[in-house]
Every structure is written in structure tokens, then in C-alpha cells.
Protein backbone atom coordinates (compact mmCIF):
# COMPACT_ATOMS: atom_id res chain seq x y z
CA MET A 1 -0.24 0.11 0.33
CA GLU A 2 3.03 2.19 1.35
CA GLN A 3 4.57 2.14 -2.36
CA LEU A 4 1.65 2.22 -4.28
CA LEU A 5 0.88 5.54 -3.11
CA THR A 6 4.18 6.92 -2.66
CA TRP A 7 4.12 5.78 -6.61
CA LEU A 8 0.25 8.20 -7.12
CA GLU A 9 2.36 11.46 -4.91
CA SER A 10 4.89 10.83 -7.97
CA GLN A 11 2.38 10.84 -10.80
CA SER A 12 0.42 13.83 -9.88
CA ALA A 13 2.26 16.35 -12.71
CA LEU A 14 0.00 18.78 -14.49
CA PHE A 15 -1.62 17.76 -17.67
CA LEU A 16 -1.98 20.48 -19.88
CA PHE A 17 -3.74 21.12 -22.98
CA THR A 18 -0.07 22.47 -23.96
CA GLN A 19 1.97 19.11 -23.39
CA THR A 20 2.50 16.42 -25.83
CA GLY A 21 1.55 13.88 -23.24
CA PHE A 22 -2.25 15.32 -23.11
CA TRP A 23 -2.34 14.56 -26.78
CA ILE A 24 -1.09 11.19 -26.66
CA PHE A 25 -3.81 10.75 -24.03
CA TYR A 26 -6.59 12.06 -26.14
CA ALA A 27 -5.71 10.02 -29.01
CA ILE A 28 -6.21 7.11 -26.64
CA ILE A 29 -9.17 8.73 -25.61
CA LEU A 30 -10.65 9.31 -29.54
CA LEU A 31 -10.01 5.98 -30.76
CA ILE A 32 -11.09 3.59 -27.33
CA ASN A 33 -14.90 6.28 -27.82
CA GLY A 34 -14.73 5.62 -31.43
CA LEU A 35 -14.71 1.70 -30.44
CA VAL A 36 -17.93 2.30 -27.56
CA HIS A 37 -20.05 5.06 -28.61
CA LYS A 38 -22.83 2.78 -29.76
CA ASN A 39 -22.84 0.82 -26.12
CA ARG A 40 -23.99 4.55 -24.27
CA VAL A 41 -23.55 2.65 -20.80
CA LEU A 42 -19.91 1.45 -21.94
CA ARG A 43 -18.72 4.97 -23.08
CA SER A 44 -20.18 6.68 -20.16
CA SER A 45 -18.32 4.90 -18.07
CA PHE A 46 -15.13 4.94 -20.39
CA LEU A 47 -15.57 8.39 -20.37
CA PHE A 48 -16.10 8.96 -16.46
CA ILE A 49 -13.11 6.84 -15.42
CA ALA A 50 -10.50 8.33 -18.40
CA SER A 51 -11.77 11.94 -16.50
CA LEU A 52 -11.03 10.35 -13.00
CA TYR A 53 -7.13 9.69 -14.94
CA PHE A 54 -7.30 13.13 -16.18
CA TYR A 55 -7.75 14.66 -13.31
CA TYR A 56 -5.50 12.55 -10.80
CA LYS A 57 -2.83 13.18 -13.48
CA THR A 58 -3.45 17.41 -12.74
CA GLY A 59 -4.32 17.33 -9.21
CA GLY A 60 -2.74 14.21 -7.61
CA TYR A 61 -4.98 12.97 -4.71
CA PHE A 62 -7.35 15.91 -4.74
CA PHE A 63 -9.21 13.73 -7.04
CA SER A 64 -10.99 12.12 -4.31
CA LEU A 65 -12.19 15.31 -3.53
CA LEU A 66 -13.88 15.29 -6.91
CA ILE A 67 -15.44 11.89 -5.91
CA LEU A 68 -17.02 13.56 -2.73
CA SER A 69 -18.22 15.87 -4.26
CA THR A 70 -19.86 13.49 -7.28
CA ILE A 71 -21.82 11.41 -4.54
CA VAL A 72 -23.14 13.91 -2.23
CA ASP A 73 -24.76 15.67 -4.80
CA TYR A 74 -26.02 12.26 -6.53
CA SER A 75 -27.68 11.50 -3.53
CA ILE A 76 -28.73 14.28 -2.77
CA GLY A 77 -29.86 14.72 -5.65
CA LEU A 78 -31.68 11.69 -5.52
CA ALA A 79 -32.99 12.41 -2.28
CA LEU A 80 -34.81 15.93 -3.63
CA GLY A 81 -36.34 14.02 -6.52
CA GLN A 82 -38.03 11.74 -3.89
CA THR A 83 -39.30 14.22 -1.50
CA THR A 84 -42.48 16.36 -1.66
CA LYS A 85 -42.43 18.28 1.24
CA THR A 86 -40.92 21.61 1.21
CA ILE A 87 -38.72 21.94 4.40
CA PRO A 88 -37.09 18.84 3.99
CA ARG A 89 -36.33 19.79 0.37
CA LYS A 90 -35.02 23.36 1.66
CA LEU A 91 -32.50 21.28 3.89
CA LEU A 92 -31.45 19.07 1.56
CA VAL A 93 -30.34 21.97 -0.41
CA VAL A 94 -28.92 23.87 2.38
CA LEU A 95 -27.16 20.49 3.12
CA SER A 96 -25.12 20.66 -0.13
CA LEU A 97 -24.02 23.71 -0.16
CA PHE A 98 -23.08 23.68 3.39
CA ILE A 99 -20.91 20.18 2.37
CA ASN A 100 -19.64 22.20 -0.96
CA LEU A 101 -18.78 25.45 0.42
CA SER A 102 -17.26 24.08 2.93
CA VAL A 103 -15.26 21.82 1.14
CA LEU A 104 -14.08 25.01 -1.00
CA ALA A 105 -13.68 27.40 1.93
CA TYR A 106 -11.12 25.02 3.77
CA PHE A 107 -8.63 24.43 1.05
CA LYS A 108 -9.55 28.39 -0.94
CA TYR A 109 -10.02 30.92 1.81
CA THR A 110 -8.48 29.52 5.58
CA TYR A 111 -5.44 31.52 4.80
CA PHE A 112 -7.30 34.75 3.95
CA ILE A 113 -10.23 34.28 7.03
CA LEU A 114 -7.10 33.39 9.38
CA ASP A 115 -5.17 36.61 7.89
CA SER A 116 -8.02 38.72 8.48
CA TYR A 117 -8.67 37.49 11.73
CA SER A 118 -4.49 37.74 12.86
CA HIS A 119 -4.83 41.98 11.77
CA LEU A 120 -8.06 42.27 14.21
CA ALA A 121 -6.46 40.21 16.86
CA GLY A 122 -2.90 41.29 16.86
CA HIS A 123 -1.70 37.71 17.38
CA SER A 124 -0.57 35.41 14.27
CA ILE A 125 -1.83 31.31 13.52
CA VAL A 126 -0.35 28.78 12.61
CA VAL A 127 -1.82 27.57 9.36
CA ILE A 128 -2.01 23.20 9.28
CA ASP A 129 -3.67 21.26 6.77
CA TYR A 130 -4.79 19.23 8.50
CA LEU A 131 -6.23 17.26 6.35
CA ALA A 132 -3.31 16.37 4.53
CA ASN A 133 -2.56 15.40 8.41
CA PHE A 134 -4.78 12.71 8.48
CA PHE A 135 -3.89 11.17 5.26
CA ASN A 136 -0.27 11.02 6.89
CA VAL A 137 -1.39 9.37 9.71
CA SER A 138 -3.95 6.57 8.72
CA LEU A 139 -2.22 5.99 5.14
CA GLY A 140 1.82 6.54 6.03
CA THR A 141 1.90 9.37 3.86
CA SER A 142 4.45 11.93 3.30
CA PHE A 143 2.36 15.41 2.28
CA ASN A 144 3.38 18.73 3.33
CA ILE A 145 0.85 19.81 6.22
CA ASP A 146 2.57 23.43 7.00
CA SER A 147 0.62 24.46 3.68
CA ILE A 148 -2.57 24.27 2.50
CA THR A 149 -2.97 23.52 -1.68
CA LEU A 150 -5.52 25.00 -3.56
CA PRO A 151 -7.22 21.59 -5.87
CA VAL A 152 -6.65 22.53 -9.66
CA GLY A 153 -10.77 23.05 -10.74
CA ILE A 154 -11.82 23.00 -7.31
CA SER A 155 -14.16 26.21 -7.71
CA PHE A 156 -15.66 25.13 -11.67
CA PHE A 157 -16.76 21.60 -10.28
CA THR A 158 -17.81 22.79 -6.98
CA PHE A 159 -20.44 25.46 -9.01
CA GLN A 160 -21.07 22.83 -11.24
CA THR A 161 -22.28 20.22 -8.79
CA ILE A 162 -24.49 23.22 -6.43
CA SER A 163 -26.38 24.15 -9.71
CA TYR A 164 -27.13 20.86 -9.86
CA THR A 165 -28.86 20.51 -7.17
CA ILE A 166 -30.74 23.95 -7.01
CA ASP A 167 -32.10 22.90 -10.36
CA VAL A 168 -33.71 19.44 -8.96
CA TYR A 169 -34.62 21.95 -6.13
CA ARG A 170 -36.46 24.43 -8.65
CA ARG A 171 -37.86 20.94 -10.54
CA GLU A 172 -35.95 22.64 -13.34
CA LEU A 173 -33.71 19.45 -13.94
CA LYS A 174 -34.90 15.36 -13.19
CA PRO A 175 -32.25 13.78 -10.66
CA VAL A 176 -30.01 11.72 -12.29
CA ARG A 177 -30.49 7.95 -11.70
CA ASN A 178 -27.09 6.44 -12.75
CA ILE A 179 -24.43 8.01 -10.47
CA ILE A 180 -21.72 6.97 -13.25
CA ASP A 181 -23.79 9.04 -15.68
CA PHE A 182 -23.51 11.37 -13.07
CA GLY A 183 -19.97 11.14 -12.34
CA PHE A 184 -19.34 11.63 -15.73
CA TYR A 185 -21.07 15.09 -16.22
CA VAL A 186 -19.13 16.26 -13.10
CA SER A 187 -15.64 15.29 -14.44
CA PHE A 188 -15.75 15.90 -18.02
CA PHE A 189 -11.96 16.22 -18.42
CA PRO A 190 -12.08 18.89 -21.43
CA GLN A 191 -13.79 21.80 -19.09
CA LEU A 192 -12.89 20.26 -16.14
CA ILE A 193 -10.15 22.31 -15.04
CA ALA A 194 -10.59 26.16 -16.02
CA GLY A 195 -14.37 25.48 -17.68
CA PRO A 196 -16.67 26.80 -18.92
CA ILE A 197 -18.80 26.17 -15.92
CA VAL A 198 -21.31 23.98 -17.46
CA ARG A 199 -24.80 23.23 -16.43
CA ALA A 200 -26.66 19.66 -15.81
CA ARG A 201 -29.69 20.29 -18.21
CA THR A 202 -26.81 21.48 -21.11
CA PHE A 203 -24.77 18.76 -20.69
CA ILE A 204 -26.72 15.46 -19.40
CA PRO A 205 -29.12 15.03 -21.95
CA GLN A 206 -26.20 14.54 -24.51
CA ILE A 207 -25.37 11.75 -22.94
CA TYR A 208 -28.18 10.04 -24.12
CA ARG A 209 -27.78 11.40 -27.15
CA LYS A 210 -26.48 8.98 -30.17
CA PHE A 211 -22.66 10.11 -31.06
CA VAL A 212 -22.77 12.10 -34.18
CA LEU A 213 -19.76 13.92 -35.37
CA SER A 214 -20.63 15.47 -38.76
CA ASP A 215 -17.77 16.69 -41.47
CA LYS A 216 -19.05 20.08 -40.47
CA TRP A 217 -18.44 19.76 -36.94
CA LEU A 218 -15.44 17.81 -37.26
CA TRP A 219 -13.49 20.61 -38.74
CA TRP A 220 -15.45 22.71 -36.67
CA ALA A 221 -13.93 21.19 -33.44
CA ILE A 222 -10.00 21.34 -35.29
CA LEU A 223 -10.37 24.95 -35.86
CA LEU A 224 -11.20 25.71 -32.58
CA ILE A 225 -8.52 23.50 -31.11
CA LEU A 226 -5.80 25.22 -33.24
CA GLY A 227 -7.07 28.70 -32.27
CA GLY A 228 -7.02 28.27 -28.84
CA LEU A 229 -3.01 26.69 -29.21
CA PHE A 230 -2.32 29.95 -31.37
CA LYS A 231 -3.79 32.26 -28.39
CA LYS A 232 -1.90 29.70 -25.63
CA MET A 233 1.02 29.29 -26.98
CA VAL A 234 2.23 32.12 -29.69
CA ILE A 235 0.53 35.01 -27.95
CA SER A 236 -0.32 34.68 -24.45
CA ASP A 237 2.40 32.61 -23.14
CA TYR A 238 5.17 34.84 -24.76
CA ILE A 239 3.84 38.18 -23.98
CA SER A 240 3.96 37.09 -20.10
CA ILE A 241 7.11 35.34 -19.61
CA ASN A 242 9.15 38.32 -21.82
CA PHE A 243 7.35 41.60 -20.90
CA VAL A 244 4.21 41.50 -18.56
CA ASP A 245 5.96 39.53 -15.89
CA ARG A 246 8.64 41.13 -15.66
CA VAL A 247 7.06 44.38 -15.24
CA PHE A 248 4.51 43.43 -12.79
CA ASP A 249 7.10 41.81 -10.63
CA HIS A 250 9.79 45.32 -10.60
CA PRO A 251 7.11 48.46 -11.86
CA LEU A 252 9.70 50.65 -10.80
CA ALA A 253 12.82 49.09 -13.00
CA TYR A 254 10.53 50.55 -16.21
CA SER A 255 9.38 53.53 -17.68
CA GLY A 256 5.80 54.64 -17.93
CA PHE A 257 4.82 53.77 -21.28
CA GLU A 258 6.27 50.30 -20.73
CA VAL A 259 4.38 50.15 -17.33
CA LEU A 260 1.32 51.15 -19.87
CA SER A 261 2.23 48.89 -22.43
CA ALA A 262 2.54 45.80 -19.94
CA VAL A 263 -1.05 46.63 -18.80
CA TYR A 264 -2.15 46.58 -22.26
CA GLY A 265 -0.22 43.14 -22.76
CA TYR A 266 -1.68 41.48 -19.84
CA THR A 267 -5.28 42.41 -21.27
CA LEU A 268 -4.42 40.55 -23.97
CA GLN A 269 -2.64 38.23 -21.80
CA ILE A 270 -5.36 37.00 -20.21
CA TYR A 271 -7.67 37.20 -22.71
CA CYS A 272 -5.70 34.98 -24.89
CA ASP A 273 -4.92 32.43 -22.36
CA PHE A 274 -8.47 31.96 -20.79
CA SER A 275 -10.33 32.00 -24.08
CA GLY A 276 -7.59 29.67 -25.25
CA TYR A 277 -8.27 27.31 -22.61
CA THR A 278 -11.92 27.23 -23.53
CA ASP A 279 -11.38 27.16 -27.43
CA ILE A 280 -9.45 24.04 -26.97
CA ALA A 281 -11.80 22.51 -24.50
CA LEU A 282 -14.97 23.18 -26.48
CA GLY A 283 -12.88 21.35 -30.06
CA VAL A 284 -11.97 18.70 -27.46
CA ALA A 285 -15.25 18.01 -26.61
CA LEU A 286 -16.68 18.50 -29.96
CA LEU A 287 -14.79 15.38 -31.27
CA LEU A 288 -15.90 12.83 -28.36
CA GLY A 289 -19.56 14.14 -29.60
CA PHE A 290 -20.23 16.62 -26.75
CA ARG A 291 -21.18 20.88 -27.21
CA LEU A 292 -19.84 23.01 -24.46
CA PRO A 293 -21.70 26.52 -23.98
CA THR A 294 -19.26 29.51 -25.13
CA ASN A 295 -17.57 31.14 -22.56
CA PHE A 296 -16.23 34.25 -24.90
CA ASN A 297 -17.79 36.45 -27.24
CA HIS A 298 -15.16 39.38 -28.07
CA PRO A 299 -15.33 40.83 -25.06
CA TYR A 300 -13.16 44.10 -25.80
CA LYS A 301 -15.91 45.02 -28.12
CA ALA A 302 -18.14 45.94 -25.26
CA THR A 303 -20.10 49.18 -25.66
CA SER A 304 -20.80 48.80 -21.44
CA ILE A 305 -19.58 47.28 -18.66
CA GLN A 306 -23.14 45.42 -18.83
CA ASP A 307 -22.34 44.22 -22.38
CA PHE A 308 -18.92 43.14 -21.00
CA TRP A 309 -19.89 40.84 -18.61
CA ARG A 310 -22.21 39.21 -21.76
CA ARG A 311 -19.30 38.30 -23.63
CA TRP A 312 -16.69 37.33 -20.80
CA HIS A 313 -16.67 34.55 -18.61
CA ILE A 314 -20.30 33.64 -19.64
CA SER A 315 -20.73 30.47 -18.14
CA LEU A 316 -19.76 32.09 -14.75
CA SER A 317 -21.16 35.44 -15.01
CA THR A 318 -25.21 33.86 -15.52
CA TRP A 319 -23.73 31.48 -13.01
CA LEU A 320 -23.54 34.11 -10.88
CA ARG A 321 -26.94 36.07 -12.08
CA ASP A 322 -28.99 32.59 -11.59
CA TYR A 323 -28.06 31.64 -8.70
CA ILE A 324 -26.79 34.72 -6.80
CA TYR A 325 -28.47 37.96 -8.02
CA ILE A 326 -32.16 36.86 -9.13
CA PRO A 327 -32.72 34.85 -5.85
CA LEU A 328 -31.49 38.13 -3.89
CA GLY A 329 -34.67 39.43 -5.95
CA GLY A 330 -32.91 40.72 -9.11
CA ASN A 331 -34.06 43.80 -10.27
CA LYS A 332 -37.69 42.93 -9.25
CA GLY A 333 -37.10 45.64 -5.91
CA ASN A 334 -36.55 49.80 -6.45
CA LYS A 335 -33.30 51.02 -7.24
CA LEU A 336 -31.02 51.13 -4.30
CA ARG A 337 -32.13 47.13 -3.75
CA THR A 338 -31.16 46.66 -7.34
CA SER A 339 -27.52 48.43 -6.92
CA PHE A 340 -27.22 46.06 -3.42
CA ASN A 341 -27.66 42.76 -5.51
CA LEU A 342 -25.30 43.96 -8.08
CA MET A 343 -22.94 45.12 -5.98
CA LEU A 344 -23.19 41.58 -3.28
CA THR A 345 -23.20 39.53 -6.65
CA MET A 346 -19.87 41.15 -8.28
CA LEU A 347 -18.61 41.19 -4.67
CA LEU A 348 -18.84 37.30 -4.43
CA GLY A 349 -17.54 37.04 -8.12
CA GLY A 350 -14.62 38.84 -7.24
CA LEU A 351 -14.39 36.76 -4.32
CA TRP A 352 -14.78 33.42 -6.18
CA HIS A 353 -11.54 34.35 -8.35
CA GLY A 354 -9.33 34.44 -4.99
CA ALA A 355 -9.22 34.96 -1.24
CA ALA A 356 -7.51 38.24 -1.33
CA LEU A 357 -8.87 41.12 -1.00
CA LYS A 358 -7.69 42.60 -4.75
CA PHE A 359 -10.15 39.96 -6.17
CA ILE A 360 -12.52 41.81 -3.94
CA ILE A 361 -11.60 45.39 -4.87
CA TRP A 362 -11.72 44.34 -8.46
CA GLY A 363 -14.82 42.52 -8.18
CA GLY A 364 -16.61 45.86 -6.19
CA LEU A 365 -15.07 48.08 -8.89
CA HIS A 366 -17.40 46.15 -11.30
CA GLY A 367 -20.11 46.50 -8.84
CA ILE A 368 -20.03 50.14 -8.76
CA ALA A 369 -19.51 50.40 -12.53
CA LEU A 370 -22.46 47.91 -12.88
CA ILE A 371 -24.19 50.48 -10.34
CA ILE A 372 -23.60 53.33 -12.91
CA ASN A 373 -24.29 51.52 -16.19
CA ARG A 374 -27.67 50.79 -14.82
CA MET A 375 -28.31 54.39 -13.36
CA LEU A 376 -27.15 55.80 -17.15
CA ASN A 377 -29.68 53.47 -18.84
CA TYR A 378 -32.28 54.86 -16.23
CA ALA A 379 -31.27 58.57 -17.31
CA PHE A 380 -30.65 57.82 -20.97
CA GLY A 381 -32.26 54.73 -22.41
CA LYS A 382 -30.36 51.87 -24.09
CA ARG A 383 -30.88 53.59 -27.67
CA LYS A 384 -27.68 55.09 -28.38
CA SER A 385 -26.06 56.68 -31.30
CA VAL A 386 -22.72 55.53 -33.68
CA VAL A 387 -20.71 58.61 -31.41
CA SER A 388 -22.01 57.28 -27.69
CA LYS A 389 -21.59 53.83 -28.29
CA PHE A 390 -18.06 54.49 -29.60
CA ILE A 391 -17.81 56.43 -26.45
CA GLY A 392 -19.43 53.34 -24.51
CA TRP A 393 -16.60 51.37 -25.89
CA PHE A 394 -13.73 54.28 -25.34
CA VAL A 395 -14.75 54.03 -21.35
CA THR A 396 -15.46 50.46 -21.12
CA PHE A 397 -12.93 48.82 -22.18
CA HIS A 398 -10.09 51.33 -20.29
CA PHE A 399 -11.66 50.94 -17.12
CA VAL A 400 -11.81 46.96 -17.76
CA VAL A 401 -7.27 47.56 -18.76
CA LEU A 402 -7.31 49.25 -15.50
CA THR A 403 -9.31 47.39 -13.13
CA TRP A 404 -6.86 44.05 -15.16
CA ILE A 405 -3.59 46.12 -13.19
CA ILE A 406 -5.58 45.67 -9.52
CA PHE A 407 -6.39 41.67 -11.07
CA ARG A 408 -2.90 41.59 -11.96
CA VAL A 409 -1.03 42.43 -9.17
CA GLU A 410 0.57 40.51 -6.23
CA SER A 411 0.19 43.26 -3.67
CA ILE A 412 -2.29 46.17 -3.05
CA GLU A 413 1.36 48.12 -2.70
CA LYS A 414 2.37 47.36 -6.54
CA THR A 415 -1.03 48.82 -7.69
CA GLU A 416 0.03 52.33 -5.95
CA ILE A 417 3.59 51.78 -8.14
CA ILE A 418 2.04 51.23 -11.30
CA PHE A 419 -0.23 53.82 -11.13
CA ALA A 420 2.65 56.25 -9.83
CA ARG A 421 4.77 55.02 -12.52
CA LEU A 422 1.78 55.16 -15.71
CA THR A 423 1.45 58.64 -14.77
CA ARG A 424 4.98 60.23 -13.23
CA ALA A 425 7.04 58.47 -15.56
CA PHE A 426 6.81 58.62 -18.34
CA MET A 427 9.60 59.75 -21.13
CA PRO A 428 8.51 60.56 -24.68
CA ASN A 429 11.65 60.54 -25.80
CA ASN A 430 12.24 56.93 -25.48
CA ILE A 431 9.13 55.57 -27.26
CA MET A 432 10.45 54.69 -30.42
CA ASP A 433 13.58 53.05 -28.95
CA VAL A 434 11.44 50.39 -26.53
CA ILE A 435 9.65 49.34 -29.35
CA PHE A 436 11.94 49.12 -31.82
CA SER A 437 13.93 47.36 -29.11
CA ASN A 438 10.70 44.78 -28.17
CA THR A 439 9.56 44.42 -32.32
CA TYR A 440 8.86 41.21 -32.18
CA LEU A 441 6.63 41.92 -28.92
CA TYR A 442 4.39 44.82 -30.22
CA ILE A 443 3.77 42.79 -32.96
CA LEU A 444 1.62 40.42 -31.33
CA ILE A 445 0.38 43.05 -29.35
CA ILE A 446 -1.23 45.28 -31.39
CA GLY A 447 -1.58 42.13 -33.83
CA GLY A 448 -3.82 40.33 -31.51
CA PHE A 449 -5.70 43.33 -30.74
CA ALA A 450 -6.53 43.96 -34.52
CA ILE A 451 -7.67 40.37 -34.88
CA HIS A 452 -10.20 40.55 -31.72
CA PHE A 453 -11.48 44.01 -33.18
CA LEU A 454 -12.41 42.47 -36.90
CA PRO A 455 -16.22 42.86 -37.33
CA GLN A 456 -18.02 39.19 -36.30
CA ARG A 457 -18.51 38.85 -40.11
CA TRP A 458 -15.41 38.93 -41.29
CA HIS A 459 -14.32 36.03 -38.47
CA GLN A 460 -17.74 34.04 -39.58
CA LEU A 461 -16.55 34.15 -43.01
CA SER A 462 -12.91 33.16 -42.40
CA LYS A 463 -14.52 30.28 -40.29
CA LEU A 464 -17.14 29.20 -43.59
CA THR A 465 -14.15 29.10 -46.19
CA PHE A 466 -12.08 27.31 -43.96
CA ILE A 467 -15.26 24.29 -43.14
CA LYS A 468 -16.23 24.78 -46.94
CA SER A 469 -12.28 24.32 -48.42
CA PRO A 470 -11.55 20.75 -50.11
CA LEU A 471 -10.66 17.75 -47.72
CA TYR A 472 -6.98 18.64 -49.40
CA LEU A 473 -6.69 22.39 -48.04
CA LYS A 474 -8.26 21.92 -45.18
CA ILE A 475 -5.75 19.27 -44.21
CA ILE A 476 -2.69 21.58 -46.11
CA THR A 477 -3.78 24.53 -44.10
CA ALA A 478 -4.23 23.00 -40.53
CA SER A 479 -1.26 21.14 -40.73
CA LEU A 480 0.55 24.44 -41.79
CA ALA A 481 -1.06 26.39 -38.65
CA LEU A 482 0.34 23.63 -36.50
CA TYR A 483 3.85 23.60 -37.77
CA ALA A 484 3.42 27.41 -37.28
CA ILE A 485 2.29 27.16 -33.67
CA VAL A 486 5.28 24.69 -32.29
CA SER A 487 7.43 27.10 -34.81
CA LEU A 488 6.32 30.02 -33.39
CA HIS A 489 5.92 29.57 -29.85
CA GLN A 490 9.18 30.88 -28.06
CA SER A 491 8.85 30.72 -24.13
CA ASP A 492 7.97 27.91 -21.39
CA ILE A 493 4.89 26.48 -21.55
CA LEU A 494 3.19 28.11 -18.30
CA PRO A 495 -0.18 27.17 -17.12
CA PHE A 496 -3.02 28.46 -18.04
CA ILE A 497 -4.07 31.38 -15.78
CA TYR A 498 -7.36 30.55 -14.74
CA PHE A 499 -6.36 26.85 -13.26
CA ARG A 500 -5.18 28.73 -10.17
CA PHE A 501 -9.07 29.58 -9.44
């Protein structure tokens, strides 16, 4: 037993979409899925086991939490389906929320809570990972107990299981009878680590449908995967390693223009990183016969902050709307109550991203912006001229850019330094020298934004042109694109940003 556990610990290396190992794993999955797809039970069982293995390779022994979450909400869902009385049903939902949020709070918010208490009480508290200590005592493992490690993807699969229980409680979804099917939904590997957050009512019906993969969807999936790899490996990783990380780590060493360039660079980096993961996840799932929800819709084209949140991390923003904002009362109360609901929702949305004051401030700023947005709509209506739309876009885009500073910095103190460099350290004489010394970087930043801001019809036309082109041309194009991605990738492979949330 001890040798087995030691081997399991040694195998818990990160399993990235950008690693060759993942694509070997995925090729095997595609092959076996093709062999068993006509037997629904066998297919679901196989993909469930494969997904658990994927999470084990990514998160190590934390896959036990995934199993715990699966068993808890599967059992509660069955109990809700068999109970008609109001009070027992409410207690079951409370139990689900208590268990899921307690686990999430333990791993994600223990340090934040204890640090806050320490500041108020005036003395520090030593943090011990009691779960790791339990494993060490009971199984003879040697996990570090001096710090609590955040399991990758815990925020995503926790929100998925909570949404399932609430939907069953609301009678918007029938409980899943087969625990393998439910476990497959919770653990489906393409979106397990960084989303999108998938609702059971959109995914589970797909489990029972016949596997169909048309030529159109095959090539659309390939296009999604290649596009996601390009965003991550060519744009995001290079900008991060070669510029953004350096500037944010040591802002005092850079001029105001370089700091501003890094802020715009991070704005592009986080979009390419996160949407790149989503694109790959959608493509990988589609080749297995499952359609995941769109998570991004050119968010930097938004003409208001409300529009931004309809385009950015759509699965999270709709989750917050449906399970927090609307239950709080949404916009059905007076203006003050609506503003309170918006602010609380965005503060919780900020806290979802991490247990730090900067995320609460970031969420609060977006909450204030949404309140102002709603007040302006009340005052002037929603119909806008071309000029007002441009002004709305300009203000929204730069509000988002500036708030990304708070999201990115390691400490609030560095925010002050960065804003000081932006306002007091501009050196117009060296701008061209900076650009010429980092030509490739600025080509990536400008080119990345240019592609993002292209008209929607151009994006659609390019996709349709590729999908409708002759087979040989699609193969050549895809091969050249993959070769270009590998050739242009000039930095180390970085974990996806949202792995830490």
C-alpha cells in the first residue's frame, strides 16, 4: 500500500493542453471512444474513468474531492427527487451548499480568513493542513502539512454540482439515476480544470443522445483547437514571460510607457490565455460528441460594462446571475435594492477568483460600474448613437484595462507603484527605442488586438471558408497552422491562468 501511494504522489504532474502527453492521452481516448460509442453505458463509464485519470494527473490525490462532490450531490439529487415536502427539500439544498462550500472554503479561503482574523486580533495563527495530516497518520503518506494546497478546478466543479442540486430543487431538472452518468457530467475532462461551468440541464441530455460527428463539426473542432493553441502558446505565453511578468514584478525598473504597454499586454494575455483554454476545451469535447457552451464573445468589443459581462466568462456571469443575483431579488425591487444585489453579486464574483483583498476590490469596482451603467440606462435609455457607442466602448475598454491591474498585481502596494509610473514616469523620447527593441512583442500585442476587433462577419466568413474548402486544402491549412504554432512558440509552457482559481 505504501509503495502504491508513493507512486500515486509522484505521478501528480500537471496535465496541460499544451503538453504532448495530453495529446497522446487524448488520441487514445478518441480511439476507444470511437470503438465503444454505440454502447452508451460503456461509453459513459469509459469517459468517466478517463476523466478521473485526467484529474488525478492534474490534481494528484485531490481527485478524492471530485469523487466526494459527486457522491454528495448525486445522493442529494436522488433524495430531492423522492421528497415533495418543502422543509425537507430546503434542508437538502442547505446540506449540499454547506458541504460543497465548506470544502471550497477550507482549501481556498482558510488563509484569507485567518489572516483577516490575525490583523483584527493582533496575533498570528499557524496554518496546518489537517486533511493532509489525516492521510499521513492513517495511510502513512508524507504530504506537507505546513500549507494548504488549492486543488485545481475546485471552484469550477463545485459550482457545477451546486447548480445541479439547485436545478433539481427548483424542479427544472430531473435527478440523474445513474451515478456513472452523473460522475461523468461532473468530471468531464475537457472543461474540468478551467471551465466553462457547464449546467447539468445542457450536458446530461447529451449523454443519452446518439454519438454524431459531422464533417462540419469535425473541422470546426479542429479550428477551435488550433485557434486556442495559437492564443495560448504564441500570444499569451510569449507576452507573459518576455514582458508582462517582468514589468509587474519590478515596475520601478520600467518607464511609464513600458508599464502602460504591460497593462495592455496583460489585457490581451489574460483573454488569450483563458479563451484559448475554452476554445481547446470546446474543440476537444466536440470531437467526443459533446457541445459545451460558449464562454467568450469578443469581450473587448463591449460598449458597456453590462455588455462586457455578457461577453466575458459567460458561464460564470450567468451562474452568478441565476444563482445569486436573481435569488437576491434581481432588479425587481427599488433602485437601492437592485444596486445592493449587483454589488453583492460582483463582490462574491470577485471572491470566487481568489481569497485576496485585490479580488474583492476588483469585484467591487465592477459592481460600482454596473450600478452606474444601470443608472445611465434609466436616465438616457438604452438606444445609442454611433458616437455614444464609441464613447461607451472607449470608456468600458479602458475601465476593464485599468481594473486588470488590480487583478494582476501581487499586492495592493504594487498597484500604487504602477499607477505612479503611469502618471509620473512617461519618457516620450524613449518610446520609439522601446518599440524597436521589442518589435516582435509589439507586433503580437497590436496583431492580437487587431484580430480581436475585426468585424464579427469577417470571423464568421473565415471559419465558413475553411470548413467549406476542399479536404486537401483543410488538411494542408491545419498542418501549416500547427507547424506555425510550434515554430512560433518561443517560451516555456505556462499553466493556464485560471488553473489557480
